[in-house]
N, C-alpha and C. Protein backbone atom coordinates (compact mmCIF):
# COMPACT_ATOMS: atom_id res chain seq x y z
N MET A 1 103.35 84.97 69.15
CA MET A 1 104.08 83.86 69.74
C MET A 1 104.87 83.05 68.71
N ASP A 2 104.55 83.32 67.41
CA ASP A 2 105.25 82.56 66.39
C ASP A 2 106.74 82.86 66.38
N ASP A 3 107.10 84.07 66.87
CA ASP A 3 108.50 84.46 66.88
C ASP A 3 109.22 84.03 68.16
N GLU A 4 108.54 83.33 69.06
CA GLU A 4 109.14 82.91 70.31
C GLU A 4 110.22 81.85 70.04
N PRO A 5 111.46 82.09 70.47
CA PRO A 5 112.52 81.09 70.25
C PRO A 5 112.29 79.85 71.11
N ILE A 6 112.89 78.75 70.69
CA ILE A 6 112.72 77.51 71.44
C ILE A 6 113.33 77.64 72.84
N VAL A 7 114.47 78.28 72.93
CA VAL A 7 115.15 78.44 74.22
C VAL A 7 115.56 79.90 74.39
N ARG A 8 115.21 80.46 75.54
CA ARG A 8 115.73 81.77 75.95
C ARG A 8 116.76 81.51 77.04
N TRP A 9 118.01 81.59 76.66
CA TRP A 9 119.09 81.18 77.56
C TRP A 9 119.16 82.05 78.81
N TYR A 10 118.76 83.32 78.70
CA TYR A 10 118.82 84.17 79.88
C TYR A 10 117.87 83.68 80.96
N TRP A 11 116.73 83.09 80.55
CA TRP A 11 115.77 82.56 81.53
C TRP A 11 116.40 81.42 82.31
N ILE A 12 117.11 80.54 81.61
CA ILE A 12 117.79 79.42 82.28
C ILE A 12 118.85 79.96 83.24
N GLY A 13 119.61 80.93 82.80
CA GLY A 13 120.63 81.50 83.67
C GLY A 13 120.05 82.17 84.91
N ASP A 14 118.88 82.78 84.76
CA ASP A 14 118.24 83.46 85.89
C ASP A 14 117.54 82.50 86.84
N HIS A 15 117.37 81.26 86.44
CA HIS A 15 116.60 80.30 87.25
C HIS A 15 117.39 79.04 87.58
N LEU A 16 118.71 79.16 87.65
CA LEU A 16 119.52 77.99 87.93
C LEU A 16 119.20 77.38 89.29
N GLY A 17 119.02 78.20 90.32
CA GLY A 17 118.67 77.69 91.64
C GLY A 17 117.33 76.97 91.63
N TYR A 18 116.36 77.56 90.96
CA TYR A 18 115.03 76.96 90.84
C TYR A 18 115.10 75.62 90.12
N LEU A 19 115.86 75.58 89.03
CA LEU A 19 116.00 74.33 88.28
C LEU A 19 116.72 73.27 89.11
N GLY A 20 117.72 73.70 89.87
CA GLY A 20 118.44 72.76 90.73
C GLY A 20 117.54 72.16 91.79
N ASN A 21 116.67 72.98 92.39
CA ASN A 21 115.73 72.47 93.40
C ASN A 21 114.75 71.47 92.79
N LEU A 22 114.25 71.80 91.61
CA LEU A 22 113.33 70.87 90.94
C LEU A 22 114.03 69.56 90.58
N LEU A 23 115.28 69.66 90.13
CA LEU A 23 116.05 68.46 89.78
C LEU A 23 116.26 67.58 91.01
N ALA A 24 116.61 68.19 92.15
CA ALA A 24 116.82 67.42 93.37
C ALA A 24 115.51 66.76 93.82
N ASP A 25 114.41 67.51 93.76
CA ASP A 25 113.12 66.95 94.15
C ASP A 25 112.73 65.81 93.22
N HIS A 26 113.00 65.98 91.94
CA HIS A 26 112.68 64.94 90.96
C HIS A 26 113.49 63.67 91.23
N ALA A 27 114.77 63.84 91.55
CA ALA A 27 115.62 62.68 91.82
C ALA A 27 115.12 61.89 93.02
N VAL A 28 114.71 62.60 94.08
CA VAL A 28 114.19 61.91 95.27
C VAL A 28 112.91 61.17 94.94
N ILE A 29 111.97 61.86 94.29
CA ILE A 29 110.68 61.25 93.98
C ILE A 29 110.85 60.03 93.08
N ALA A 30 111.79 60.09 92.15
CA ALA A 30 111.96 59.01 91.17
C ALA A 30 112.80 57.86 91.68
N LEU A 31 113.86 58.15 92.43
CA LEU A 31 114.84 57.11 92.75
C LEU A 31 114.60 56.42 94.09
N VAL A 32 114.02 57.11 95.05
CA VAL A 32 113.71 56.43 96.32
C VAL A 32 112.76 55.25 96.10
N PRO A 33 111.71 55.39 95.27
CA PRO A 33 110.86 54.22 95.00
C PRO A 33 111.62 53.05 94.38
N VAL A 34 112.63 53.33 93.57
CA VAL A 34 113.41 52.25 92.97
C VAL A 34 114.19 51.51 94.04
N LEU A 35 114.78 52.25 94.98
CA LEU A 35 115.52 51.62 96.07
C LEU A 35 114.59 50.79 96.95
N ILE A 36 113.41 51.35 97.26
CA ILE A 36 112.44 50.58 98.05
C ILE A 36 112.00 49.34 97.29
N GLY A 37 111.78 49.50 95.98
CA GLY A 37 111.40 48.36 95.15
C GLY A 37 112.46 47.28 95.17
N LEU A 38 113.73 47.67 95.16
CA LEU A 38 114.81 46.68 95.24
C LEU A 38 114.80 45.95 96.57
N LEU A 39 114.60 46.70 97.66
CA LEU A 39 114.57 46.08 98.98
C LEU A 39 113.41 45.09 99.11
N LEU A 40 112.32 45.36 98.40
CA LEU A 40 111.18 44.42 98.42
C LEU A 40 111.38 43.28 97.43
N ALA A 41 112.01 43.58 96.31
CA ALA A 41 112.16 42.56 95.26
C ALA A 41 113.08 41.43 95.68
N VAL A 42 114.12 41.73 96.45
CA VAL A 42 115.07 40.68 96.83
C VAL A 42 114.42 39.61 97.70
N PRO A 43 113.75 39.96 98.81
CA PRO A 43 113.10 38.89 99.59
C PRO A 43 111.97 38.21 98.84
N LEU A 44 111.21 38.98 98.06
CA LEU A 44 110.15 38.35 97.27
C LEU A 44 110.73 37.42 96.21
N GLY A 45 111.83 37.85 95.59
CA GLY A 45 112.49 36.99 94.61
C GLY A 45 113.04 35.72 95.23
N LEU A 46 113.59 35.84 96.43
CA LEU A 46 114.08 34.66 97.15
C LEU A 46 112.93 33.70 97.45
N ALA A 47 111.80 34.26 97.86
CA ALA A 47 110.63 33.41 98.15
C ALA A 47 110.14 32.72 96.88
N CYS A 48 110.13 33.46 95.76
CA CYS A 48 109.67 32.87 94.50
C CYS A 48 110.64 31.81 93.99
N ALA A 49 111.94 32.02 94.20
CA ALA A 49 112.92 31.02 93.79
C ALA A 49 112.81 29.77 94.66
N ARG A 50 112.48 29.97 95.93
CA ARG A 50 112.35 28.84 96.85
C ARG A 50 111.02 28.12 96.67
N PHE A 51 109.96 28.89 96.40
CA PHE A 51 108.62 28.32 96.20
C PHE A 51 108.10 28.79 94.83
N PRO A 52 108.43 28.07 93.76
CA PRO A 52 108.12 28.52 92.39
C PRO A 52 106.65 28.83 92.14
N ARG A 53 105.74 28.21 92.89
CA ARG A 53 104.32 28.47 92.66
C ARG A 53 103.92 29.90 93.02
N LEU A 54 104.73 30.58 93.80
CA LEU A 54 104.42 31.96 94.17
C LEU A 54 104.67 32.93 93.02
N TYR A 55 105.56 32.56 92.13
CA TYR A 55 106.03 33.53 91.16
C TYR A 55 104.95 33.99 90.19
N GLN A 56 104.23 33.07 89.61
CA GLN A 56 103.24 33.45 88.61
C GLN A 56 102.14 34.36 89.18
N PRO A 57 101.54 34.03 90.34
CA PRO A 57 100.53 34.95 90.90
C PRO A 57 101.09 36.33 91.22
N LEU A 58 102.28 36.37 91.85
CA LEU A 58 102.88 37.67 92.17
C LEU A 58 103.21 38.45 90.90
N SER A 59 103.77 37.77 89.93
CA SER A 59 104.13 38.43 88.68
C SER A 59 102.88 38.98 87.99
N ALA A 60 101.80 38.23 88.01
CA ALA A 60 100.56 38.69 87.38
C ALA A 60 100.02 39.93 88.08
N VAL A 61 100.06 39.95 89.41
CA VAL A 61 99.57 41.11 90.16
C VAL A 61 100.37 42.35 89.82
N PHE A 62 101.70 42.22 89.83
CA PHE A 62 102.53 43.40 89.56
C PHE A 62 102.45 43.83 88.10
N ASN A 63 102.24 42.90 87.20
CA ASN A 63 102.07 43.27 85.79
C ASN A 63 100.78 44.06 85.59
N ILE A 64 99.73 43.68 86.31
CA ILE A 64 98.47 44.42 86.24
C ILE A 64 98.67 45.83 86.79
N VAL A 65 99.37 45.93 87.92
CA VAL A 65 99.64 47.25 88.50
C VAL A 65 100.45 48.10 87.53
N TYR A 66 101.44 47.49 86.89
CA TYR A 66 102.30 48.21 85.96
C TYR A 66 101.52 48.74 84.76
N ALA A 67 100.45 48.03 84.40
CA ALA A 67 99.65 48.43 83.25
C ALA A 67 98.69 49.58 83.57
N LEU A 68 98.48 49.88 84.85
CA LEU A 68 97.56 50.95 85.21
C LEU A 68 98.17 52.32 84.87
N PRO A 69 97.38 53.24 84.32
CA PRO A 69 97.90 54.59 84.03
C PRO A 69 98.34 55.28 85.32
N SER A 70 99.54 55.83 85.31
CA SER A 70 100.09 56.42 86.53
C SER A 70 99.24 57.58 87.05
N LEU A 71 98.74 58.42 86.15
CA LEU A 71 97.93 59.56 86.60
C LEU A 71 96.67 59.10 87.32
N ALA A 72 96.04 58.05 86.79
CA ALA A 72 94.83 57.54 87.43
C ALA A 72 95.13 57.02 88.84
N VAL A 73 96.26 56.35 89.00
CA VAL A 73 96.63 55.84 90.33
C VAL A 73 96.93 56.99 91.28
N PHE A 74 97.61 58.03 90.79
CA PHE A 74 97.88 59.20 91.63
C PHE A 74 96.58 59.80 92.15
N VAL A 75 95.61 59.94 91.25
CA VAL A 75 94.33 60.55 91.63
C VAL A 75 93.60 59.69 92.66
N VAL A 76 93.63 58.38 92.49
CA VAL A 76 92.97 57.48 93.44
C VAL A 76 93.59 57.61 94.83
N LEU A 77 94.90 57.83 94.89
CA LEU A 77 95.59 57.90 96.18
C LEU A 77 95.41 59.23 96.90
N ILE A 78 95.02 60.28 96.19
CA ILE A 78 94.94 61.61 96.80
C ILE A 78 94.11 61.65 98.09
N PRO A 79 92.91 61.01 98.14
CA PRO A 79 92.14 61.06 99.40
C PRO A 79 92.85 60.42 100.59
N TYR A 80 93.81 59.54 100.33
CA TYR A 80 94.48 58.82 101.41
C TYR A 80 95.86 59.40 101.74
N THR A 81 96.56 59.88 100.73
CA THR A 81 97.93 60.37 100.95
C THR A 81 98.04 61.87 100.81
N GLY A 82 96.99 62.51 100.30
CA GLY A 82 97.00 63.96 100.20
C GLY A 82 97.44 64.47 98.84
N LEU A 83 97.04 65.71 98.55
CA LEU A 83 97.43 66.36 97.31
C LEU A 83 98.81 66.99 97.47
N ALA A 84 99.60 66.91 96.43
CA ALA A 84 100.93 67.53 96.40
C ALA A 84 101.88 66.95 97.46
N THR A 85 101.75 65.65 97.73
CA THR A 85 102.67 65.00 98.67
C THR A 85 103.55 64.01 97.90
N GLN A 86 104.72 63.76 98.45
CA GLN A 86 105.62 62.80 97.82
C GLN A 86 105.03 61.40 97.82
N ALA A 87 104.30 61.04 98.88
CA ALA A 87 103.75 59.69 98.99
C ALA A 87 102.80 59.38 97.85
N THR A 88 102.01 60.37 97.41
CA THR A 88 101.04 60.15 96.34
C THR A 88 101.73 59.70 95.05
N VAL A 89 102.93 60.21 94.82
CA VAL A 89 103.67 59.85 93.60
C VAL A 89 104.57 58.64 93.84
N MET A 90 105.17 58.58 95.02
CA MET A 90 106.19 57.56 95.26
C MET A 90 105.62 56.16 95.47
N ILE A 91 104.43 56.05 96.03
CA ILE A 91 103.84 54.72 96.25
C ILE A 91 103.62 53.99 94.92
N PRO A 92 102.93 54.60 93.93
CA PRO A 92 102.79 53.90 92.65
C PRO A 92 104.13 53.62 91.97
N LEU A 93 105.06 54.56 92.05
CA LEU A 93 106.36 54.33 91.42
C LEU A 93 107.10 53.16 92.05
N THR A 94 106.88 52.95 93.34
CA THR A 94 107.49 51.80 94.01
C THR A 94 106.95 50.49 93.43
N PHE A 95 105.65 50.43 93.22
CA PHE A 95 105.06 49.22 92.65
C PHE A 95 105.49 49.03 91.20
N TYR A 96 105.60 50.13 90.45
CA TYR A 96 106.08 50.01 89.08
C TYR A 96 107.50 49.46 89.05
N ALA A 97 108.35 49.96 89.95
CA ALA A 97 109.72 49.47 90.02
C ALA A 97 109.75 48.00 90.42
N LEU A 98 108.91 47.63 91.37
CA LEU A 98 108.86 46.25 91.82
C LEU A 98 108.42 45.31 90.69
N ALA A 99 107.52 45.79 89.84
CA ALA A 99 107.07 44.97 88.71
C ALA A 99 108.21 44.67 87.75
N VAL A 100 109.18 45.57 87.66
CA VAL A 100 110.35 45.35 86.79
C VAL A 100 111.40 44.52 87.51
N LEU A 101 111.60 44.79 88.79
CA LEU A 101 112.72 44.18 89.52
C LEU A 101 112.45 42.74 89.96
N LEU A 102 111.20 42.40 90.21
CA LEU A 102 110.92 41.04 90.66
C LEU A 102 111.33 40.00 89.63
N PRO A 103 110.94 40.13 88.35
CA PRO A 103 111.37 39.11 87.37
C PRO A 103 112.88 39.01 87.22
N THR A 104 113.58 40.15 87.23
CA THR A 104 115.03 40.09 87.07
C THR A 104 115.70 39.45 88.29
N THR A 105 115.14 39.69 89.47
CA THR A 105 115.68 39.06 90.68
C THR A 105 115.51 37.55 90.61
N VAL A 106 114.32 37.11 90.24
CA VAL A 106 114.05 35.67 90.14
C VAL A 106 114.93 35.04 89.06
N ASP A 107 115.05 35.71 87.91
CA ASP A 107 115.89 35.17 86.84
C ASP A 107 117.34 35.06 87.29
N GLY A 108 117.81 36.07 88.04
CA GLY A 108 119.19 36.03 88.52
C GLY A 108 119.43 34.89 89.49
N LEU A 109 118.50 34.65 90.39
CA LEU A 109 118.66 33.56 91.35
C LEU A 109 118.54 32.20 90.67
N ARG A 110 117.68 32.11 89.69
CA ARG A 110 117.53 30.84 88.98
C ARG A 110 118.72 30.55 88.07
N ALA A 111 119.47 31.59 87.71
CA ALA A 111 120.60 31.40 86.80
C ALA A 111 121.80 30.76 87.49
N VAL A 112 121.79 30.71 88.82
CA VAL A 112 122.90 30.08 89.55
C VAL A 112 122.80 28.56 89.35
N PRO A 113 123.81 27.92 88.77
CA PRO A 113 123.73 26.47 88.53
C PRO A 113 123.64 25.69 89.84
N ASP A 114 122.92 24.58 89.79
CA ASP A 114 122.80 23.73 90.97
C ASP A 114 124.17 23.20 91.40
N SER A 115 125.06 22.99 90.44
CA SER A 115 126.39 22.48 90.78
C SER A 115 127.15 23.49 91.65
N VAL A 116 126.92 24.79 91.40
CA VAL A 116 127.58 25.82 92.20
C VAL A 116 127.03 25.81 93.62
N ARG A 117 125.72 25.67 93.74
CA ARG A 117 125.11 25.60 95.07
C ARG A 117 125.62 24.36 95.83
N GLN A 118 125.68 23.24 95.13
CA GLN A 118 126.14 22.02 95.77
C GLN A 118 127.60 22.12 96.19
N ALA A 119 128.41 22.77 95.37
CA ALA A 119 129.82 22.94 95.72
C ALA A 119 129.96 23.83 96.95
N ALA A 120 129.14 24.88 97.03
CA ALA A 120 129.18 25.76 98.19
C ALA A 120 128.76 25.02 99.44
N THR A 121 127.73 24.18 99.32
CA THR A 121 127.28 23.39 100.47
C THR A 121 128.36 22.41 100.90
N ALA A 122 129.03 21.79 99.93
CA ALA A 122 130.10 20.84 100.24
C ALA A 122 131.27 21.51 100.93
N MET A 123 131.45 22.80 100.68
CA MET A 123 132.53 23.55 101.32
C MET A 123 132.15 24.03 102.71
N GLY A 124 130.94 23.67 103.15
CA GLY A 124 130.52 24.02 104.49
C GLY A 124 129.71 25.29 104.59
N TYR A 125 129.28 25.84 103.46
CA TYR A 125 128.46 27.04 103.50
C TYR A 125 127.06 26.69 103.97
N GLY A 126 126.56 27.41 104.96
CA GLY A 126 125.17 27.27 105.36
C GLY A 126 124.27 28.04 104.41
N PRO A 127 122.96 27.91 104.56
CA PRO A 127 122.03 28.58 103.63
C PRO A 127 122.25 30.09 103.54
N TRP A 128 122.43 30.76 104.69
CA TRP A 128 122.60 32.20 104.66
C TRP A 128 123.93 32.60 104.04
N HIS A 129 124.99 31.88 104.41
CA HIS A 129 126.32 32.17 103.85
C HIS A 129 126.33 31.91 102.35
N ARG A 130 125.70 30.84 101.92
CA ARG A 130 125.65 30.52 100.49
C ARG A 130 124.88 31.60 99.74
N LEU A 131 123.80 32.09 100.35
CA LEU A 131 123.01 33.14 99.71
C LEU A 131 123.82 34.42 99.53
N THR A 132 124.48 34.86 100.58
CA THR A 132 125.18 36.14 100.53
C THR A 132 126.51 36.06 99.78
N ALA A 133 127.16 34.89 99.81
CA ALA A 133 128.48 34.78 99.20
C ALA A 133 128.45 34.23 97.78
N VAL A 134 127.37 33.52 97.42
CA VAL A 134 127.34 32.86 96.12
C VAL A 134 126.15 33.31 95.27
N GLU A 135 124.95 33.13 95.80
CA GLU A 135 123.75 33.31 94.97
C GLU A 135 123.49 34.78 94.63
N LEU A 136 123.49 35.65 95.63
CA LEU A 136 123.22 37.06 95.35
C LEU A 136 124.31 37.70 94.49
N PRO A 137 125.60 37.44 94.78
CA PRO A 137 126.61 38.01 93.87
C PRO A 137 126.45 37.54 92.43
N ALA A 138 126.07 36.28 92.25
CA ALA A 138 125.87 35.77 90.89
C ALA A 138 124.68 36.42 90.20
N ALA A 139 123.73 36.89 91.00
CA ALA A 139 122.53 37.52 90.45
C ALA A 139 122.71 39.01 90.20
N VAL A 140 123.84 39.59 90.58
CA VAL A 140 124.06 41.03 90.46
C VAL A 140 123.84 41.55 89.04
N PRO A 141 124.37 40.92 87.98
CA PRO A 141 124.13 41.45 86.64
C PRO A 141 122.65 41.55 86.28
N TYR A 142 121.86 40.58 86.73
CA TYR A 142 120.43 40.62 86.48
C TYR A 142 119.77 41.74 87.26
N LEU A 143 120.17 41.89 88.53
CA LEU A 143 119.60 42.94 89.37
C LEU A 143 119.89 44.32 88.79
N ILE A 144 121.11 44.54 88.34
CA ILE A 144 121.47 45.85 87.82
C ILE A 144 120.77 46.11 86.49
N ALA A 145 120.60 45.07 85.68
CA ALA A 145 119.84 45.23 84.43
C ALA A 145 118.42 45.68 84.74
N GLY A 146 117.81 45.08 85.76
CA GLY A 146 116.48 45.50 86.16
C GLY A 146 116.46 46.90 86.73
N LEU A 147 117.48 47.24 87.51
CA LEU A 147 117.56 48.59 88.09
C LEU A 147 117.69 49.64 87.00
N ARG A 148 118.41 49.35 85.94
CA ARG A 148 118.56 50.33 84.85
C ARG A 148 117.22 50.64 84.21
N VAL A 149 116.44 49.60 83.97
CA VAL A 149 115.12 49.81 83.36
C VAL A 149 114.19 50.53 84.34
N ALA A 150 114.18 50.07 85.59
CA ALA A 150 113.28 50.65 86.58
C ALA A 150 113.62 52.11 86.85
N ALA A 151 114.91 52.43 86.94
CA ALA A 151 115.31 53.80 87.26
C ALA A 151 114.94 54.77 86.14
N VAL A 152 115.23 54.40 84.90
CA VAL A 152 114.90 55.28 83.78
C VAL A 152 113.39 55.45 83.65
N SER A 153 112.63 54.37 83.83
CA SER A 153 111.17 54.46 83.77
C SER A 153 110.63 55.37 84.87
N SER A 154 111.17 55.23 86.07
CA SER A 154 110.70 56.02 87.20
C SER A 154 111.03 57.50 87.01
N ILE A 155 112.20 57.80 86.48
CA ILE A 155 112.58 59.19 86.22
C ILE A 155 111.62 59.82 85.22
N SER A 156 111.20 59.05 84.24
CA SER A 156 110.25 59.56 83.25
C SER A 156 108.86 59.73 83.85
N LEU A 157 108.38 58.73 84.57
CA LEU A 157 107.02 58.77 85.11
C LEU A 157 106.84 59.80 86.21
N ALA A 158 107.91 60.12 86.93
CA ALA A 158 107.79 61.05 88.05
C ALA A 158 107.28 62.41 87.60
N SER A 159 107.58 62.81 86.37
CA SER A 159 107.14 64.12 85.89
C SER A 159 105.62 64.22 85.81
N VAL A 160 104.93 63.09 85.66
CA VAL A 160 103.47 63.10 85.60
C VAL A 160 102.89 63.56 86.93
N GLY A 161 103.65 63.37 88.02
CA GLY A 161 103.18 63.79 89.33
C GLY A 161 102.91 65.27 89.43
N ALA A 162 103.45 66.07 88.52
CA ALA A 162 103.19 67.52 88.55
C ALA A 162 101.71 67.81 88.39
N LEU A 163 100.97 66.91 87.75
CA LEU A 163 99.54 67.12 87.56
C LEU A 163 98.76 66.97 88.86
N VAL A 164 99.36 66.35 89.87
CA VAL A 164 98.71 66.25 91.18
C VAL A 164 99.51 67.04 92.22
N GLY A 165 100.36 67.94 91.75
CA GLY A 165 101.02 68.86 92.64
C GLY A 165 102.40 68.48 93.13
N ARG A 166 102.93 67.34 92.68
CA ARG A 166 104.27 66.95 93.12
C ARG A 166 104.96 66.15 92.02
N GLY A 167 105.66 66.85 91.14
CA GLY A 167 106.27 66.14 90.03
C GLY A 167 107.65 66.60 89.65
N GLY A 168 108.34 67.30 90.57
CA GLY A 168 109.70 67.69 90.26
C GLY A 168 109.80 68.51 88.98
N LEU A 169 110.56 68.03 88.04
CA LEU A 169 110.77 68.74 86.78
C LEU A 169 109.50 68.80 85.93
N GLY A 170 108.51 68.02 86.27
CA GLY A 170 107.25 68.08 85.54
C GLY A 170 106.57 69.44 85.64
N TYR A 171 106.87 70.21 86.70
CA TYR A 171 106.32 71.56 86.81
C TYR A 171 106.71 72.41 85.60
N LEU A 172 107.89 72.18 85.08
CA LEU A 172 108.36 72.98 83.95
C LEU A 172 107.50 72.77 82.72
N PHE A 173 106.99 71.56 82.53
CA PHE A 173 106.13 71.29 81.38
C PHE A 173 104.80 72.04 81.51
N ILE A 174 104.23 72.00 82.72
CA ILE A 174 102.97 72.70 82.95
C ILE A 174 103.16 74.21 82.80
N ASP A 175 104.23 74.72 83.37
CA ASP A 175 104.51 76.15 83.30
C ASP A 175 104.69 76.60 81.86
N GLY A 176 105.48 75.86 81.12
CA GLY A 176 105.71 76.25 79.73
C GLY A 176 104.46 76.16 78.88
N PHE A 177 103.66 75.14 79.12
CA PHE A 177 102.43 74.97 78.34
C PHE A 177 101.42 76.07 78.66
N GLN A 178 101.26 76.38 79.93
CA GLN A 178 100.28 77.40 80.32
C GLN A 178 100.66 78.78 79.82
N ARG A 179 101.94 79.05 79.71
CA ARG A 179 102.38 80.38 79.28
C ARG A 179 102.78 80.42 77.79
N THR A 180 102.60 79.29 77.11
CA THR A 180 103.06 79.17 75.72
C THR A 180 104.50 79.65 75.61
N PHE A 181 105.31 79.10 76.53
CA PHE A 181 106.71 79.51 76.67
C PHE A 181 107.55 78.24 76.65
N PRO A 182 108.19 77.92 75.53
CA PRO A 182 108.84 76.61 75.38
C PRO A 182 110.12 76.43 76.19
N THR A 183 110.74 77.50 76.66
CA THR A 183 112.02 77.36 77.34
C THR A 183 111.96 76.43 78.55
N PRO A 184 110.99 76.58 79.48
CA PRO A 184 110.92 75.63 80.60
C PRO A 184 110.71 74.18 80.14
N ILE A 185 109.95 74.01 79.08
CA ILE A 185 109.70 72.65 78.59
C ILE A 185 111.00 72.02 78.09
N VAL A 186 111.75 72.76 77.31
CA VAL A 186 113.03 72.26 76.81
C VAL A 186 113.99 71.99 77.96
N ALA A 187 114.02 72.91 78.94
CA ALA A 187 114.90 72.71 80.10
C ALA A 187 114.52 71.46 80.87
N GLY A 188 113.21 71.22 81.03
CA GLY A 188 112.75 70.03 81.75
C GLY A 188 113.13 68.76 81.03
N ILE A 189 112.93 68.75 79.71
CA ILE A 189 113.29 67.56 78.92
C ILE A 189 114.79 67.29 79.03
N ALA A 190 115.59 68.35 78.91
CA ALA A 190 117.05 68.18 78.95
C ALA A 190 117.50 67.67 80.31
N LEU A 191 116.95 68.21 81.39
CA LEU A 191 117.37 67.79 82.73
C LEU A 191 116.94 66.36 83.04
N ILE A 192 115.76 65.98 82.60
CA ILE A 192 115.32 64.60 82.79
C ILE A 192 116.23 63.63 82.03
N ALA A 193 116.58 64.01 80.80
CA ALA A 193 117.48 63.16 80.01
C ALA A 193 118.85 63.05 80.67
N VAL A 194 119.37 64.17 81.19
CA VAL A 194 120.68 64.16 81.85
C VAL A 194 120.63 63.31 83.11
N LEU A 195 119.55 63.45 83.90
CA LEU A 195 119.42 62.66 85.12
C LEU A 195 119.35 61.17 84.80
N ALA A 196 118.55 60.81 83.80
CA ALA A 196 118.43 59.40 83.42
C ALA A 196 119.78 58.85 82.94
N LEU A 197 120.50 59.63 82.14
CA LEU A 197 121.79 59.19 81.63
C LEU A 197 122.80 59.03 82.77
N ALA A 198 122.81 59.99 83.71
CA ALA A 198 123.75 59.92 84.83
C ALA A 198 123.49 58.70 85.69
N VAL A 199 122.23 58.43 85.99
CA VAL A 199 121.89 57.26 86.81
C VAL A 199 122.25 55.97 86.09
N ASP A 200 121.97 55.92 84.79
CA ASP A 200 122.29 54.72 84.02
C ASP A 200 123.79 54.47 83.99
N LEU A 201 124.58 55.52 83.81
CA LEU A 201 126.04 55.37 83.81
C LEU A 201 126.55 54.91 85.17
N LEU A 202 125.96 55.41 86.25
CA LEU A 202 126.35 54.97 87.58
C LEU A 202 126.06 53.49 87.78
N LEU A 203 124.93 53.04 87.26
CA LEU A 203 124.58 51.62 87.40
C LEU A 203 125.50 50.74 86.54
N VAL A 204 125.87 51.23 85.37
CA VAL A 204 126.82 50.49 84.54
C VAL A 204 128.16 50.38 85.26
N ALA A 205 128.60 51.47 85.88
CA ALA A 205 129.85 51.45 86.65
C ALA A 205 129.74 50.50 87.83
N ALA A 206 128.58 50.48 88.49
CA ALA A 206 128.38 49.56 89.62
C ALA A 206 128.45 48.11 89.15
N ARG A 207 127.92 47.85 87.97
CA ARG A 207 127.98 46.48 87.44
C ARG A 207 129.43 46.07 87.17
N ARG A 208 130.21 46.98 86.62
CA ARG A 208 131.62 46.67 86.37
C ARG A 208 132.38 46.43 87.67
N LEU A 209 132.00 47.14 88.72
CA LEU A 209 132.69 47.00 90.00
C LEU A 209 132.26 45.74 90.73
N LEU A 210 130.95 45.46 90.72
CA LEU A 210 130.42 44.35 91.52
C LEU A 210 130.41 43.03 90.77
N ALA A 211 130.39 43.08 89.45
CA ALA A 211 130.35 41.83 88.67
C ALA A 211 131.30 41.92 87.48
N PRO A 212 132.59 42.06 87.74
CA PRO A 212 133.54 42.19 86.62
C PRO A 212 133.57 40.97 85.72
N TRP A 213 133.26 39.80 86.27
CA TRP A 213 133.28 38.59 85.44
C TRP A 213 132.20 38.65 84.36
N ALA A 214 131.07 39.27 84.68
CA ALA A 214 130.00 39.38 83.69
C ALA A 214 130.41 40.29 82.55
N VAL A 215 131.15 41.35 82.86
CA VAL A 215 131.64 42.26 81.83
C VAL A 215 132.62 41.53 80.92
N ARG A 216 133.52 40.73 81.52
CA ARG A 216 134.49 39.97 80.71
C ARG A 216 133.79 38.95 79.84
N GLU A 217 132.78 38.28 80.38
CA GLU A 217 132.05 37.29 79.58
C GLU A 217 131.32 37.95 78.42
N GLN A 218 130.75 39.14 78.68
CA GLN A 218 130.05 39.85 77.61
C GLN A 218 131.02 40.27 76.51
N GLY A 219 132.22 40.74 76.93
CA GLY A 219 133.22 41.12 75.95
C GLY A 219 133.73 39.94 75.15
N ALA A 220 133.89 38.80 75.81
CA ALA A 220 134.35 37.61 75.11
C ALA A 220 133.29 37.10 74.13
N GLY A 221 132.01 37.23 74.54
CA GLY A 221 130.93 36.77 73.67
C GLY A 221 130.77 37.62 72.42
N SER A 222 131.09 38.93 72.57
CA SER A 222 130.96 39.80 71.41
C SER A 222 132.20 39.74 70.51
């Protein structure tokens, strides 16, 4: 095995469909929890901004969850969600994403100056209109910063799910290790890196589109 090359390119060429299926499965397992986490983080962040005493207890709970080893949480969930199911992997990843997104959501909402809120109210904006037209748009740079961290973390952690039967590209690591065959391992690492980079670039583009003023301010500051 000492003469085994790091990559056998013919193996990759012969398994493009297989690799594509694993990549698609990995993207779903990793990114759907981030989207769910965002949908939960926004109302929770609004509640924490409105009632500041909620923030510290909620933040502490999610920080504790974030500190739990992902594999241990997957194993604990197996009796309830089943072995080799998406739910076993996606539920913990949702909480991990929420632990990242809640603080950035709260920070974004708190960053809106009171003078801006008062000006919106003076212009006749009701609470809902002010939220959707002023506060949430102003919080977009913070939300996207949190999404970038949460998405890359989730893409990385999803591969651990292969140890409980559902891990997308993580199967390649197990396969390569069991057969002492490095090509699947290298392919898995490369595809995870490409997926993480692609998602991060999409989020950067979304930030430029949704919050161009933040990009201009960052450029002026530098």
